[in-house]
C-alpha atoms as a PDB file:
ATOM      1  CA  MET A   1      17.827   2.701 -15.242  1.00  0.00           C
ATOM      2  CA  ARG A   2      17.997  -1.072 -14.647  1.00  0.00           C
ATOM      3  CA  LYS A   3      15.711  -3.035 -16.908  1.00  0.00           C
ATOM      4  CA  ARG A   4      15.325  -6.761 -17.467  1.00  0.00           C
ATOM      5  CA  GLY A   5      12.413  -7.019 -19.854  1.00  0.00           C
ATOM      6  CA  GLY A   6       8.728  -6.211 -19.767  1.00  0.00           C
ATOM      7  CA  ALA A   7       6.695  -3.199 -20.794  1.00  0.00           C
ATOM      8  CA  ALA A   8       7.787   0.254 -19.749  1.00  0.00           C
ATOM      9  CA  LEU A   9       6.278   1.502 -16.521  1.00  0.00           C
ATOM     10  CA  ILE A  10       6.994   5.127 -17.443  1.00  0.00           C
ATOM     11  CA  GLU A  11       6.257   5.785 -21.110  1.00  0.00           C
ATOM     12  CA  ILE A  12       6.411   9.593 -21.281  1.00  0.00           C
ATOM     13  CA  LEU A  13       9.292  11.239 -19.405  1.00  0.00           C
ATOM     14  CA  ASN A  14      10.679  14.719 -20.076  1.00  0.00           C
ATOM     15  CA  GLY A  15      13.625  15.334 -17.754  1.00  0.00           C
ATOM     16  CA  THR A  16      12.229  14.426 -14.338  1.00  0.00           C
ATOM     17  CA  LYS A  17       8.571  15.064 -15.251  1.00  0.00           C
ATOM     18  CA  GLU A  18       6.417  12.079 -16.132  1.00  0.00           C
ATOM     19  CA  THR A  19       3.261  12.745 -18.098  1.00  0.00           C
ATOM     20  CA  VAL A  20       0.538  10.363 -17.003  1.00  0.00           C
ATOM     21  CA  ALA A  21      -1.886   9.607 -19.820  1.00  0.00           C
ATOM     22  CA  TYR A  22      -5.028   7.677 -19.021  1.00  0.00           C
ATOM     23  CA  ARG A  23      -6.533   5.010 -21.244  1.00  0.00           C
ATOM     24  CA  GLU A  24     -10.138   5.266 -22.407  1.00  0.00           C
ATOM     25  CA  HIS A  25     -10.468   8.748 -20.849  1.00  0.00           C
ATOM     26  CA  PHE A  26     -10.794   6.952 -17.547  1.00  0.00           C
ATOM     27  CA  GLY A  27      -8.893   9.430 -15.376  1.00  0.00           C
ATOM     28  CA  ILE A  28      -7.463   6.450 -13.496  1.00  0.00           C
ATOM     29  CA  ARG A  29      -4.480   4.322 -14.513  1.00  0.00           C
ATOM     30  CA  LEU A  30      -4.014   1.066 -12.596  1.00  0.00           C
ATOM     31  CA  TYR A  31      -0.998  -1.056 -13.449  1.00  0.00           C
ATOM     32  CA  LEU A  32      -0.103  -4.537 -12.198  1.00  0.00           C
ATOM     33  CA  ASN A  33       3.632  -4.048 -12.354  1.00  0.00           C
ATOM     34  CA  ARG A  34       5.749  -7.213 -12.539  1.00  0.00           C
ATOM     35  CA  GLU A  35       8.796  -5.716 -14.263  1.00  0.00           C
ATOM     36  CA  ALA A  36      12.155  -6.038 -12.522  1.00  0.00           C
ATOM     37  CA  GLU A  37      13.009  -2.455 -13.352  1.00  0.00           C
ATOM     38  CA  ASP A  38      14.300   0.584 -11.498  1.00  0.00           C
ATOM     39  CA  TYR A  39      12.982   4.047 -12.338  1.00  0.00           C
ATOM     40  CA  PRO A  40      14.938   7.280 -11.839  1.00  0.00           C
ATOM     41  CA  VAL A  41      13.830  10.333  -9.900  1.00  0.00           C
ATOM     42  CA  HIS A  42      10.651  11.743 -11.435  1.00  0.00           C
ATOM     43  CA  TRP A  43       7.396  13.512 -10.567  1.00  0.00           C
ATOM     44  CA  HIS A  44       3.960  13.988 -12.066  1.00  0.00           C
ATOM     45  CA  THR A  45       0.778  15.941 -11.553  1.00  0.00           C
ATOM     46  CA  ALA A  46      -1.143  12.731 -10.874  1.00  0.00           C
ATOM     47  CA  GLY A  47      -1.668  11.258  -7.432  1.00  0.00           C
ATOM     48  CA  GLU A  48      -0.226   7.778  -6.931  1.00  0.00           C
ATOM     49  CA  ILE A  49      -0.907   4.747  -4.734  1.00  0.00           C
ATOM     50  CA  ILE A  50       1.569   1.849  -4.545  1.00  0.00           C
ATOM     51  CA  MET A  51       0.903  -1.504  -2.870  1.00  0.00           C
ATOM     52  CA  PRO A  52       3.167  -4.553  -3.346  1.00  0.00           C
ATOM     53  CA  THR A  53       1.256  -7.835  -3.517  1.00  0.00           C
ATOM     54  CA  ASP A  54       4.250 -10.150  -3.905  1.00  0.00           C
ATOM     55  CA  ASN A  55       7.770  -9.419  -2.616  1.00  0.00           C
ATOM     56  CA  ARG A  56       9.084  -6.117  -1.295  1.00  0.00           C
ATOM     57  CA  TYR A  57       9.360  -2.847  -3.182  1.00  0.00           C
ATOM     58  CA  THR A  58      11.444   0.266  -2.502  1.00  0.00           C
ATOM     59  CA  VAL A  59      10.199   3.810  -3.038  1.00  0.00           C
ATOM     60  CA  ILE A  60      12.490   6.784  -2.340  1.00  0.00           C
ATOM     61  CA  VAL A  61      10.672  10.067  -1.653  1.00  0.00           C
ATOM     62  CA  ASP A  62      12.677  13.239  -1.024  1.00  0.00           C
ATOM     63  CA  ASP A  63      15.785  11.162  -0.213  1.00  0.00           C
ATOM     64  CA  THR A  64      13.884   9.022   2.333  1.00  0.00           C
ATOM     65  CA  SER A  65      13.696   5.318   1.493  1.00  0.00           C
ATOM     66  CA  TYR A  66      10.500   3.364   2.189  1.00  0.00           C
ATOM     67  CA  GLU A  67      10.841  -0.426   2.118  1.00  0.00           C
ATOM     68  CA  LEU A  68       7.337  -1.686   1.366  1.00  0.00           C
ATOM     69  CA  SER A  69       6.335  -5.208   2.374  1.00  0.00           C
ATOM     70  CA  PRO A  70       3.452  -6.994   0.618  1.00  0.00           C
ATOM     71  CA  GLY A  71       0.233  -5.262   1.602  1.00  0.00           C
ATOM     72  CA  ASP A  72       1.851  -1.976   2.678  1.00  0.00           C
ATOM     73  CA  ILE A  73       0.241   1.050   1.036  1.00  0.00           C
ATOM     74  CA  LEU A  74       2.161   4.193   0.075  1.00  0.00           C
ATOM     75  CA  VAL A  75       0.251   7.284  -1.084  1.00  0.00           C
ATOM     76  CA  LEU A  76       2.101   9.984  -3.040  1.00  0.00           C
ATOM     77  CA  PRO A  77       0.467  13.392  -3.554  1.00  0.00           C
ATOM     78  CA  PRO A  78       1.116  15.089  -6.918  1.00  0.00           C
ATOM     79  CA  GLY A  79       4.358  16.942  -7.454  1.00  0.00           C
ATOM     80  CA  GLU A  80       6.536  14.819  -5.163  1.00  0.00           C
ATOM     81  CA  LEU A  81       9.915  13.664  -6.475  1.00  0.00           C
ATOM     82  CA  HIS A  82      10.275   9.908  -6.096  1.00  0.00           C
ATOM     83  CA  GLU A  83      12.350   6.974  -7.307  1.00  0.00           C
ATOM     84  CA  LEU A  84      11.381   3.294  -7.638  1.00  0.00           C
ATOM     85  CA  LYS A  85      13.634   0.284  -7.033  1.00  0.00           C
ATOM     86  CA  SER A  86      12.396  -3.188  -7.880  1.00  0.00           C
ATOM     87  CA  PRO A  87      13.468  -6.641  -6.644  1.00  0.00           C
ATOM     88  CA  ASP A  88      14.253  -9.393  -9.151  1.00  0.00           C
ATOM     89  CA  SER A  89      10.686 -10.706  -8.976  1.00  0.00           C
ATOM     90  CA  GLY A  90       7.311  -9.796  -7.553  1.00  0.00           C
ATOM     91  CA  GLU A  91       4.197  -7.789  -8.286  1.00  0.00           C
ATOM     92  CA  ARG A  92       2.776  -4.494  -7.084  1.00  0.00           C
ATOM     93  CA  ILE A  93      -0.348  -2.455  -7.754  1.00  0.00           C
ATOM     94  CA  ILE A  94       0.524   1.029  -8.992  1.00  0.00           C
ATOM     95  CA  LEU A  95      -2.473   3.320  -9.327  1.00  0.00           C
ATOM     96  CA  GLN A  96      -2.301   6.850 -10.680  1.00  0.00           C
ATOM     97  CA  PHE A  97      -5.244   9.204 -10.905  1.00  0.00           C
ATOM     98  CA  ASP A  98      -6.129  12.658 -12.143  1.00  0.00           C
ATOM     99  CA  CYS A  99      -6.402  14.753  -8.975  1.00  0.00           C
ATOM    100  CA  SER A 100      -8.985  17.016 -10.573  1.00  0.00           C
ATOM    101  CA  LEU A 101     -11.388  14.103 -10.083  1.00  0.00           C
ATOM    102  CA  LEU A 102     -11.254  14.824  -6.365  1.00  0.00           C
ATOM    103  CA  TYR A 103     -10.253  18.484  -6.075  1.00  0.00           C
ATOM    104  CA  ASN A 104     -13.823  19.568  -6.772  1.00  0.00           C
ATOM    105  CA  LEU A 105     -14.954  17.782  -3.614  1.00  0.00           C
ATOM    106  CA  LYS A 106     -14.937  20.268  -0.743  1.00  0.00           C
ATOM    107  CA  GLY A 107     -12.075  19.726   1.681  1.00  0.00           C
ATOM    108  CA  PHE A 108     -10.126  17.219  -0.407  1.00  0.00           C
ATOM    109  CA  ASP A 109      -7.374  19.531  -1.591  1.00  0.00           C
ATOM    110  CA  SER A 110      -6.859  20.806   1.960  1.00  0.00           C
ATOM    111  CA  THR A 111      -6.574  17.377   3.550  1.00  0.00           C
ATOM    112  CA  PHE A 112      -4.334  16.170   0.722  1.00  0.00           C
ATOM    113  CA  HIS A 113      -1.659  18.541   1.991  1.00  0.00           C
ATOM    114  CA  LEU A 114      -1.588  16.594   5.243  1.00  0.00           C
ATOM    115  CA  LEU A 115      -0.256  13.590   3.326  1.00  0.00           C
ATOM    116  CA  ARG A 116       2.883  15.300   2.022  1.00  0.00           C
ATOM    117  CA  PRO A 117       5.483  14.251   1.148  1.00  0.00           C
ATOM    118  CA  CYS A 118       3.863  10.795   1.304  1.00  0.00           C
ATOM    119  CA  CYS A 119       1.776   8.631   3.597  1.00  0.00           C
ATOM    120  CA  LEU A 120       2.619   5.031   4.515  1.00  0.00           C
ATOM    121  CA  ILE A 121      -0.136   2.782   5.879  1.00  0.00           C
ATOM    122  CA  THR A 122       0.785  -0.631   7.306  1.00  0.00           C
ATOM    123  CA  SER A 123      -1.165  -3.274   9.192  1.00  0.00           C
ATOM    124  CA  GLU A 124       1.315  -3.070  12.076  1.00  0.00           C
ATOM    125  CA  HIS A 125       0.739   0.626  12.753  1.00  0.00           C
ATOM    126  CA  ASP A 126      -2.967   0.986  11.940  1.00  0.00           C
ATOM    127  CA  GLY A 127      -4.649  -2.346  11.347  1.00  0.00           C
ATOM    128  CA  GLU A 128      -8.215  -1.059  10.965  1.00  0.00           C
ATOM    129  CA  LEU A 129      -7.365   1.728   8.524  1.00  0.00           C
ATOM    130  CA  HIS A 130      -5.053  -0.579   6.583  1.00  0.00           C
ATOM    131  CA  ARG A 131      -7.758  -3.257   6.208  1.00  0.00           C
ATOM    132  CA  THR A 132     -10.254  -0.666   4.996  1.00  0.00           C
ATOM    133  CA  LEU A 133      -7.884   0.918   2.450  1.00  0.00           C
ATOM    134  CA  ARG A 134      -6.562  -2.413   1.204  1.00  0.00           C
ATOM    135  CA  THR A 135     -10.105  -3.667   0.636  1.00  0.00           C
ATOM    136  CA  LEU A 136     -11.082  -0.514  -1.257  1.00  0.00           C
ATOM    137  CA  LEU A 137      -7.934  -0.682  -3.402  1.00  0.00           C
ATOM    138  CA  LEU A 138      -8.518  -4.333  -4.322  1.00  0.00           C
ATOM    139  CA  GLU A 139     -12.177  -3.641  -5.092  1.00  0.00           C
ATOM    140  CA  LEU A 140     -11.105  -0.709  -7.270  1.00  0.00           C
ATOM    141  CA  LYS A 141      -8.723  -3.039  -9.118  1.00  0.00           C
ATOM    142  CA  ASP A 142     -11.544  -5.512  -9.770  1.00  0.00           C
ATOM    143  CA  GLU A 143     -13.771  -2.749 -11.148  1.00  0.00           C
ATOM    144  CA  TYR A 144     -10.950  -1.353 -13.271  1.00  0.00           C
ATOM    145  CA  PHE A 145     -10.220  -4.646 -14.993  1.00  0.00           C
ATOM    146  CA  GLY A 146     -13.813  -5.891 -14.971  1.00  0.00           C
ATOM    147  CA  GLN A 147     -16.582  -5.549 -17.523  1.00  0.00           C
ATOM    148  CA  SER A 148     -19.452  -4.674 -15.224  1.00  0.00           C
ATOM    149  CA  LEU A 149     -21.977  -2.005 -16.087  1.00  0.00           C
ATOM    150  CA  LEU A 150     -20.930   1.446 -14.809  1.00  0.00           C
ATOM    151  CA  LYS A 151     -17.470   0.169 -13.879  1.00  0.00           C
ATOM    152  CA  GLU A 152     -15.974   3.646 -14.326  1.00  0.00           C
ATOM    153  CA  ALA A 153     -18.403   5.182 -11.837  1.00  0.00           C
ATOM    154  CA  ALA A 154     -17.788   2.274  -9.451  1.00  0.00           C
ATOM    155  CA  ALA A 155     -14.011   2.770  -9.684  1.00  0.00           C
ATOM    156  CA  TYR A 156     -14.398   6.505  -8.947  1.00  0.00           C
ATOM    157  CA  ALA A 157     -16.572   5.650  -5.964  1.00  0.00           C
ATOM    158  CA  LYS A 158     -13.887   3.329  -4.564  1.00  0.00           C
ATOM    159  CA  LEU A 159     -11.222   6.005  -5.107  1.00  0.00           C
ATOM    160  CA  ILE A 160     -13.324   8.624  -3.319  1.00  0.00           C
ATOM    161  CA  GLY A 161     -13.996   6.172  -0.487  1.00  0.00           C
ATOM    162  CA  PHE A 162     -10.273   5.478  -0.188  1.00  0.00           C
ATOM    163  CA  PHE A 163      -9.415   9.148   0.294  1.00  0.00           C
ATOM    164  CA  VAL A 164     -12.378   9.866   2.545  1.00  0.00           C
ATOM    165  CA  GLU A 165     -11.071   7.231   4.960  1.00  0.00           C
ATOM    166  CA  LEU A 166      -7.460   8.329   4.586  1.00  0.00           C
ATOM    167  CA  GLY A 167      -8.293  12.034   4.816  1.00  0.00           C
ATOM    168  CA  ARG A 168     -10.346  11.657   7.979  1.00  0.00           C
ATOM    169  CA  ASN A 169      -7.551   9.659   9.528  1.00  0.00           C
ATOM    170  CA  ALA A 170      -4.970  12.260   8.511  1.00  0.00           C
ATOM    171  CA  VAL A 171      -7.011  15.078   9.996  1.00  0.00           C
ATOM    172  CA  HIS A 172      -7.916  13.393  13.263  1.00  0.00           C
ATOM    173  CA  ALA A 173      -4.827  11.282  13.932  1.00  0.00           C
ATOM    174  CA  GLU A 174      -1.733  11.770  11.792  1.00  0.00           C
ATOM    175  CA  HIS A 175      -1.133  15.369  12.824  1.00  0.00           C
ATOM    176  CA  SER A 176      -2.296  15.102  16.388  1.00  0.00           C
ATOM    177  CA  ARG A 177      -0.153  15.979  19.373  1.00  0.00           C
ATOM    178  CA  GLY A 178      -0.506  13.558  22.271  1.00  0.00           C
ATOM    179  CA  GLU A 179      -3.872  13.550  23.986  1.00  0.00           C
ATOM    180  CA  GLN A 180      -4.792  16.815  22.307  1.00  0.00           C
ATOM    181  CA  LYS A 181      -6.104  14.927  19.301  1.00  0.00           C
ATOM    182  CA  LYS A 182      -8.884  13.459  21.451  1.00  0.00           C
ATOM    183  CA  SER A 183     -10.103  16.791  22.746  1.00  0.00           C
ATOM    184  CA  ARG A 184     -13.103  18.732  21.534  1.00  0.00           C
ATOM    185  CA  LYS A 185     -10.917  21.811  21.161  1.00  0.00           C
ATOM    186  CA  TYR A 186      -8.587  19.990  18.793  1.00  0.00           C
ATOM    187  CA  ARG A 187     -11.456  18.935  16.544  1.00  0.00           C
ATOM    188  CA  GLN A 188     -12.835  22.468  16.560  1.00  0.00           C
ATOM    189  CA  ASN A 189      -9.461  23.862  15.551  1.00  0.00           C
ATOM    190  CA  ILE A 190      -9.128  21.309  12.751  1.00  0.00           C
ATOM    191  CA  ASP A 191     -12.524  22.388  11.403  1.00  0.00           C
ATOM    192  CA  THR A 192     -11.526  26.048  11.688  1.00  0.00           C
ATOM    193  CA  PHE A 193      -8.268  25.642   9.795  1.00  0.00           C
ATOM    194  CA  LEU A 194      -9.852  23.501   7.089  1.00  0.00           C
ATOM    195  CA  LYS A 195     -12.371  26.327   6.561  1.00  0.00           C
ATOM    196  CA  VAL A 196      -9.463  28.762   6.301  1.00  0.00           C
ATOM    197  CA  CYS A 197      -7.790  26.440   3.779  1.00  0.00           C
ATOM    198  CA  HIS A 198     -11.000  26.317   1.741  1.00  0.00           C
ATOM    199  CA  TYR A 199     -11.135  30.124   1.743  1.00  0.00           C
ATOM    200  CA  MET A 200      -7.513  30.268   0.577  1.00  0.00           C
ATOM    201  CA  ASN A 201      -8.249  27.730  -2.158  1.00  0.00           C
ATOM    202  CA  GLU A 202     -11.098  29.899  -3.456  1.00  0.00           C
ATOM    203  CA  HIS A 203      -9.180  33.210  -3.225  1.00  0.00           C
ATOM    204  CA  CYS A 204      -5.576  32.132  -3.837  1.00  0.00           C
ATOM    205  CA  THR A 205      -5.079  34.570  -6.719  1.00  0.00           C
ATOM    206  CA  GLU A 206      -5.993  37.542  -4.526  1.00  0.00           C
ATOM    207  CA  ASP A 207      -3.767  39.543  -2.177  1.00  0.00           C
ATOM    208  CA  ILE A 208      -4.501  37.558   0.990  1.00  0.00           C
ATOM    209  CA  GLN A 209      -2.816  38.805   4.153  1.00  0.00           C
ATOM    210  CA  ALA A 210      -2.181  36.908   7.374  1.00  0.00           C
ATOM    211  CA  GLU A 211      -4.258  39.427   9.335  1.00  0.00           C
ATOM    212  CA  GLU A 212      -7.303  38.647   7.177  1.00  0.00           C
ATOM    213  CA  LEU A 213      -6.909  34.895   7.669  1.00  0.00           C
ATOM    214  CA  ALA A 214      -6.342  35.337  11.397  1.00  0.00           C
ATOM    215  CA  ARG A 215      -9.618  37.256  11.716  1.00  0.00           C
ATOM    216  CA  LEU A 216     -11.396  34.531   9.757  1.00  0.00           C
ATOM    217  CA  ALA A 217     -10.023  31.909  12.137  1.00  0.00           C
ATOM    218  CA  GLY A 218     -10.683  33.977  15.241  1.00  0.00           C
ATOM    219  CA  PHE A 219      -7.062  34.137  16.411  1.00  0.00           C
ATOM    220  CA  SER A 220      -4.431  36.809  16.733  1.00  0.00           C
ATOM    221  CA  LYS A 221      -1.937  36.910  13.873  1.00  0.00           C
ATOM    222  CA  PHE A 222       0.748  35.376  16.098  1.00  0.00           C
ATOM    223  CA  HIS A 223      -1.417  32.443  17.218  1.00  0.00           C
ATOM    224  CA  PHE A 224      -2.853  31.945  13.738  1.00  0.00           C
ATOM    225  CA  THR A 225       0.528  31.537  12.058  1.00  0.00           C
ATOM    226  CA  ARG A 226       1.742  29.165  14.777  1.00  0.00           C
ATOM    227  CA  LEU A 227      -1.413  27.047  14.900  1.00  0.00           C
ATOM    228  CA  PHE A 228      -1.846  26.895  11.122  1.00  0.00           C
ATOM    229  CA  LYS A 229       1.535  25.236  10.747  1.00  0.00           C
ATOM    230  CA  GLN A 230       0.815  22.917  13.683  1.00  0.00           C
ATOM    231  CA  TYR A 231      -2.493  21.690  12.285  1.00  0.00           C
ATOM    232  CA  ILE A 232      -1.929  21.825   8.534  1.00  0.00           C
ATOM    233  CA  GLY A 233       1.740  20.820   8.490  1.00  0.00           C
ATOM    234  CA  MET A 234       3.107  23.851   6.655  1.00  0.00           C
ATOM    235  CA  SER A 235       3.017  27.628   6.971  1.00  0.00           C
ATOM    236  CA  TYR A 236       0.005  29.508   5.623  1.00  0.00           C
ATOM    237  CA  TYR A 237       2.391  31.255   3.218  1.00  0.00           C
ATOM    238  CA  ASP A 238       3.646  27.959   1.764  1.00  0.00           C
ATOM    239  CA  TYR A 239       0.091  26.622   1.543  1.00  0.00           C
ATOM    240  CA  LEU A 240      -1.066  29.727  -0.325  1.00  0.00           C
ATOM    241  CA  GLY A 241       1.961  29.575  -2.600  1.00  0.00           C
ATOM    242  CA  GLN A 242       1.318  25.948  -3.508  1.00  0.00           C
ATOM    243  CA  HIS A 243      -2.281  26.684  -4.467  1.00  0.00           C
ATOM    244  CA  ARG A 244      -1.172  29.609  -6.574  1.00  0.00           C
ATOM    245  CA  ILE A 245       1.239  27.270  -8.360  1.00  0.00           C
ATOM    246  CA  MET A 246      -1.560  24.731  -8.882  1.00  0.00           C
ATOM    247  CA  HIS A 247      -3.689  27.512 -10.381  1.00  0.00           C
ATOM    248  CA  ALA A 248      -0.772  28.599 -12.568  1.00  0.00           C
ATOM    249  CA  GLU A 249      -0.321  25.045 -13.898  1.00  0.00           C
ATOM    250  CA  LYS A 250      -3.783  25.195 -15.466  1.00  0.00           C
ATOM    251  CA  LEU A 251      -3.084  28.571 -17.051  1.00  0.00           C
ATOM    252  CA  LEU A 252       0.331  27.601 -18.420  1.00  0.00           C
ATOM    253  CA  ILE A 253      -1.328  25.004 -20.642  1.00  0.00           C
ATOM    254  CA  ASP A 254      -3.094  27.825 -22.517  1.00  0.00           C
ATOM    255  CA  PRO A 255      -0.868  28.674 -25.518  1.00  0.00           C
ATOM    256  CA  ASN A 256      -2.385  32.169 -25.694  1.00  0.00           C
ATOM    257  CA  LEU A 257      -1.094  33.213 -22.271  1.00  0.00           C
ATOM    258  CA  SER A 258       2.489  34.285 -21.661  1.00  0.00           C
ATOM    259  CA  VAL A 259       4.374  33.251 -18.530  1.00  0.00           C
ATOM    260  CA  THR A 260       4.180  36.845 -17.277  1.00  0.00           C
ATOM    261  CA  GLU A 261       0.387  36.902 -17.722  1.00  0.00           C
ATOM    262  CA  VAL A 262       0.108  33.597 -15.867  1.00  0.00           C
ATOM    263  CA  ALA A 263       2.197  34.982 -13.005  1.00  0.00           C
ATOM    264  CA  MET A 264      -0.042  38.028 -12.631  1.00  0.00           C
ATOM    265  CA  ARG A 265      -3.278  36.018 -12.898  1.00  0.00           C
ATOM    266  CA  SER A 266      -2.049  33.551 -10.280  1.00  0.00           C
ATOM    267  CA  GLY A 267      -1.488  36.106  -7.543  1.00  0.00           C
ATOM    268  CA  PHE A 268       2.258  36.632  -7.798  1.00  0.00           C
ATOM    269  CA  GLY A 269       3.608  40.145  -7.437  1.00  0.00           C
ATOM    270  CA  SER A 270       6.427  39.718  -9.938  1.00  0.00           C
ATOM    271  CA  LEU A 271       7.700  37.334 -12.583  1.00  0.00           C
ATOM    272  CA  ALA A 272      10.873  36.684 -10.577  1.00  0.00           C
ATOM    273  CA  THR A 273       8.871  35.639  -7.508  1.00  0.00           C
ATOM    274  CA  PHE A 274       6.712  33.366  -9.671  1.00  0.00           C
ATOM    275  CA  ASN A 275       9.749  31.738 -11.293  1.00  0.00           C
ATOM    276  CA  ARG A 276      11.387  31.031  -7.925  1.00  0.00           C
ATOM    277  CA  ALA A 277       8.221  29.649  -6.338  1.00  0.00           C
ATOM    278  CA  PHE A 278       7.283  27.524  -9.344  1.00  0.00           C
ATOM    279  CA  LYS A 279      10.730  25.955  -9.644  1.00  0.00           C
ATOM    280  CA  ALA A 280      10.856  25.211  -5.906  1.00  0.00           C
ATOM    281  CA  PHE A 281       7.515  23.408  -6.053  1.00  0.00           C
ATOM    282  CA  LYS A 282       7.581  21.782  -9.505  1.00  0.00           C
ATOM    283  CA  LYS A 283      11.349  21.285  -9.977  1.00  0.00           C
ATOM    284  CA  CYS A 284      11.261  23.055 -13.325  1.00  0.00           C
ATOM    285  CA  THR A 285      10.706  26.631 -14.509  1.00  0.00           C
ATOM    286  CA  PRO A 286       7.297  27.871 -15.751  1.00  0.00           C
ATOM    287  CA  THR A 287       8.784  28.232 -19.221  1.00  0.00           C
ATOM    288  CA  GLN A 288       9.969  24.611 -19.201  1.00  0.00           C
ATOM    289  CA  TYR A 289       6.576  23.440 -17.929  1.00  0.00           C
ATOM    290  CA  LYS A 290       4.785  25.399 -20.642  1.00  0.00           C
ATOM    291  CA  ALA A 291       7.103  23.992 -23.313  1.00  0.00           C
ATOM    292  CA  LEU A 292       6.302  20.433 -22.209  1.00  0.00           C
ATOM    293  CA  HIS A 293       2.620  21.078 -22.858  1.00  0.00           C
ATOM    294  CA  ASP A 294       3.170  23.055 -26.047  1.00  0.00           C
ATOM    295  CA  ASN A 295       5.372  20.386 -27.657  1.00  0.00           C
ATOM    296  CA  GLY A 296       3.989  16.899 -27.883  1.00  0.00           C
ATOM    297  CA  GLY A 297       3.985  14.605 -24.833  1.00  0.00           C
ATOM    298  CA  ALA A 298       2.313  16.577 -22.097  1.00  0.00           C
ATOM    299  CA  GLY A 299       0.069  18.466 -24.445  1.00  0.00           C
ATOM    300  CA  ARG A 300      -1.808  15.493 -25.821  1.00  0.00           C
ATOM    301  CA  ASP A 301      -5.284  14.485 -24.793  1.00  0.00           C
ATOM    302  CA  PRO A 302      -5.136  12.735 -21.389  1.00  0.00           C
ATOM    303  CA  GLY A 303      -6.837   9.651 -22.756  1.00  0.00           C
ATOM    304  CA  SER A 304      -4.605   9.145 -25.778  1.00  0.00           C
ATOM    305  CA  GLY A 305      -1.706   7.166 -24.346  1.00  0.00           C
ATOM    306  CA  ALA A 306      -0.291   5.132 -21.490  1.00  0.00           C
ATOM    307  CA  ALA A 307       1.869   5.908 -18.544  1.00  0.00           C
ATOM    308  CA  LYS A 308       2.613   3.667 -15.606  1.00  0.00           C
END
C-alpha cells in the first residue's frame, strides 16, 4: 500500500474483507477523500459510489481498470473485489451505504444485479442520467455534512432517488439489445423477469426448480433459462445462489448457529456445496466469514466506528 499522509480510508480490514462501520448509526458513510494513497484488493458488504471532483482516480474491478475523470460516477454493488489507485493530488467523493436500507424496497435487489460487477456513468455516454445522478449525489453530500432538521431522512431520500434513476436506466437501457429495448415486448419481458426475481428473493431457501420458474414466467424451460440470462445478466441458478448466500450472511452472524445449520437453512443441499458457493461469491469460506463477526472488527455495532 502506498501512503503519503492523511487519515486511513480503510480502517477495518481482515484479509481482503473491509468492514464498513457507519458513524452515528447513519447507515451511510460519505468520505471526501484527499489522501494520495493506494488501497489493495478488498471487498465489503456495503454498496459504494465513487466520484472524483478534482483530478483523475483509478478503480480496478475484477482485473478491469476504470480511469475516472472528474465528475465520472462509478457504482460498486456489494461483494465486488476492487482496488483503488490515487494520483498525487485531488479529491473524490466516496460514499458507502448499508444495502439493507434499500433491499426492503420491492425490486431493488433484483435491479442491483444488473449493475454487476460495476456501473460507470459519464456525461459523454449518458448526459441526462449523469446530470441527474451527479446532482443527487452532491445534494446527498450537502445533507450528510449539514445540520438541517431531518438530515438523515433527507440523505436516505437522495440515496433512494439515486438508485431509482439508475435502476430504471439499467432495466430499460443497459441490458437492451438493439431496437428490442424500445419494444413493448421487451418491457413486458423485463417486468416478467423482475417478478420472477422477486419470487426467487422471497423463496430462495426453498427447493426452487427451473420448471417452476418457467411456468411462473409463462415460458418453456428452454426459453426461460435463455431469456433469464439475457434480461437479468446471469443464469437463474447463479441468481438464486447469490440470494442464498446473502441469506446465509445474515445467519452466519448468529453465534448460536453452526455453519452446517446455516447451510441447511439457506437452501443448500450439502455443506460442501455451500462452502464452494460461498467462497466463490464472497472470496472467503463461511467459517472465515463467521470468525470475522465473532471476533472483534466485523462483529461490532455498525455505528461504533469508521471505515472509508
